[in-house]
Amino acid sequence: MPLSHAVYSINDATPTMVTVPGQESSSGITLMIQNVGSVPVYVGASGLTSSSYGASIPAGGSLSIDNIFTTDEVYALSSSGTTTVSVLKVNR
């Protein structure tokens, strides 16, 4: 299972795509997003906002998304100012 990872600086104005580029997989991937900042982070589709999102990750928390397609795009948005998320992708 090939691994890839990246660290993203995200802000509260524009959603940032956090899907890690890397080897494609026909059987899906697992994506783990860790909020290494000090404010909550919102995760969802490209149109996410602070009031319309798929999940909220508290400071120091993480979220795992299993069996998504490699073409799916996951975005993150800071709840306040600029913060950082770390993303780990496991190809199956």
Protein backbone atom coordinates (compact mmCIF):
# COMPACT_ATOMS: atom_id res chain seq x y z
CA MET A 1 0.00 0.00 0.00
CA PRO A 2 1.77 3.15 -1.18
CA LEU A 3 1.69 6.11 1.20
CA SER A 4 1.88 9.81 0.47
CA HIS A 5 1.55 12.85 2.70
CA ALA A 6 1.47 16.64 2.65
CA VAL A 7 1.10 19.61 4.97
CA TYR A 8 -1.27 22.41 3.97
CA SER A 9 -1.65 25.97 5.22
CA ILE A 10 -5.34 26.84 5.03
CA ASN A 11 -7.25 30.05 5.69
CA ASP A 12 -10.79 31.10 6.58
CA ALA A 13 -11.53 32.78 3.23
CA THR A 14 -11.03 30.15 0.50
CA PRO A 15 -11.41 26.35 0.75
CA THR A 16 -8.12 24.56 0.01
CA MET A 17 -8.04 21.17 -1.73
CA VAL A 18 -6.23 18.75 0.61
CA THR A 19 -6.42 15.59 -1.49
CA VAL A 20 -2.79 14.44 -1.66
CA PRO A 21 -1.57 13.80 -5.21
CA GLY A 22 0.16 10.47 -5.75
CA GLN A 23 -0.17 6.99 -7.17
CA GLU A 24 -3.71 6.28 -8.29
CA SER A 25 -5.62 3.25 -7.05
CA SER A 26 -8.56 1.44 -8.59
CA SER A 27 -9.81 0.18 -5.22
CA GLY A 28 -10.04 3.45 -3.32
CA ILE A 29 -7.95 5.29 -0.76
CA THR A 30 -8.02 6.16 2.92
CA LEU A 31 -7.39 9.80 3.73
CA MET A 32 -6.45 10.93 7.26
CA ILE A 33 -6.60 14.66 7.96
CA GLN A 34 -5.02 15.91 11.19
CA ASN A 35 -5.66 19.42 12.45
CA VAL A 36 -2.26 20.47 13.81
CA GLY A 37 -3.39 24.05 14.36
CA SER A 38 -5.09 25.74 17.31
CA VAL A 39 -8.54 26.43 15.79
CA PRO A 40 -11.23 24.11 14.38
CA VAL A 41 -11.07 23.14 10.70
CA TYR A 42 -14.03 22.45 8.43
CA VAL A 43 -13.84 19.68 5.80
CA GLY A 44 -16.11 19.05 2.82
CA ALA A 45 -16.68 19.63 -0.87
CA SER A 46 -15.40 22.60 -2.87
CA GLY A 47 -18.26 24.90 -1.84
CA LEU A 48 -17.84 24.46 1.91
CA THR A 49 -18.21 27.41 4.25
CA SER A 50 -18.04 27.90 8.01
CA SER A 51 -21.80 27.28 8.17
CA SER A 52 -22.09 24.57 5.49
CA TYR A 53 -19.57 21.74 5.77
CA GLY A 54 -19.27 17.96 5.94
CA ALA A 55 -17.24 17.64 9.16
CA SER A 56 -15.53 19.78 11.78
CA ILE A 57 -12.12 18.76 13.15
CA PRO A 58 -11.25 20.30 16.53
CA ALA A 59 -7.74 21.61 17.21
CA GLY A 60 -5.49 18.58 17.68
CA GLY A 61 -8.13 16.23 16.27
CA SER A 62 -8.21 14.12 13.13
CA LEU A 63 -10.64 12.68 10.63
CA SER A 64 -10.28 9.50 8.56
CA ILE A 65 -12.19 9.00 5.33
CA ASP A 66 -12.17 5.41 4.05
CA ASN A 67 -12.70 4.04 0.56
CA ILE A 68 -12.97 7.28 -1.39
CA PHE A 69 -12.10 7.42 -5.06
CA THR A 70 -8.78 8.95 -6.07
CA THR A 71 -10.68 11.47 -8.20
CA ASP A 72 -12.67 12.78 -5.20
CA GLU A 73 -11.63 16.22 -4.06
CA VAL A 74 -11.65 17.00 -0.33
CA TYR A 75 -11.35 20.62 0.82
CA ALA A 76 -10.53 22.24 4.18
CA LEU A 77 -11.28 25.69 5.59
CA SER A 78 -10.03 27.28 8.81
CA SER A 79 -12.62 28.51 11.29
CA SER A 80 -10.49 31.60 11.99
CA GLY A 81 -7.37 33.03 10.34
CA THR A 82 -4.69 30.72 8.97
CA THR A 83 -3.92 27.25 10.34
CA THR A 84 -2.29 23.99 9.28
CA VAL A 85 -3.49 20.47 8.47
CA SER A 86 -1.41 17.38 7.83
CA VAL A 87 -2.79 14.80 5.39
CA LEU A 88 -1.84 11.14 4.99
CA LYS A 89 -3.12 9.11 2.02
CA VAL A 90 -3.04 5.32 1.83
CA ASN A 91 -3.66 3.76 -1.61
CA ARG A 92 -5.32 0.35 -1.45
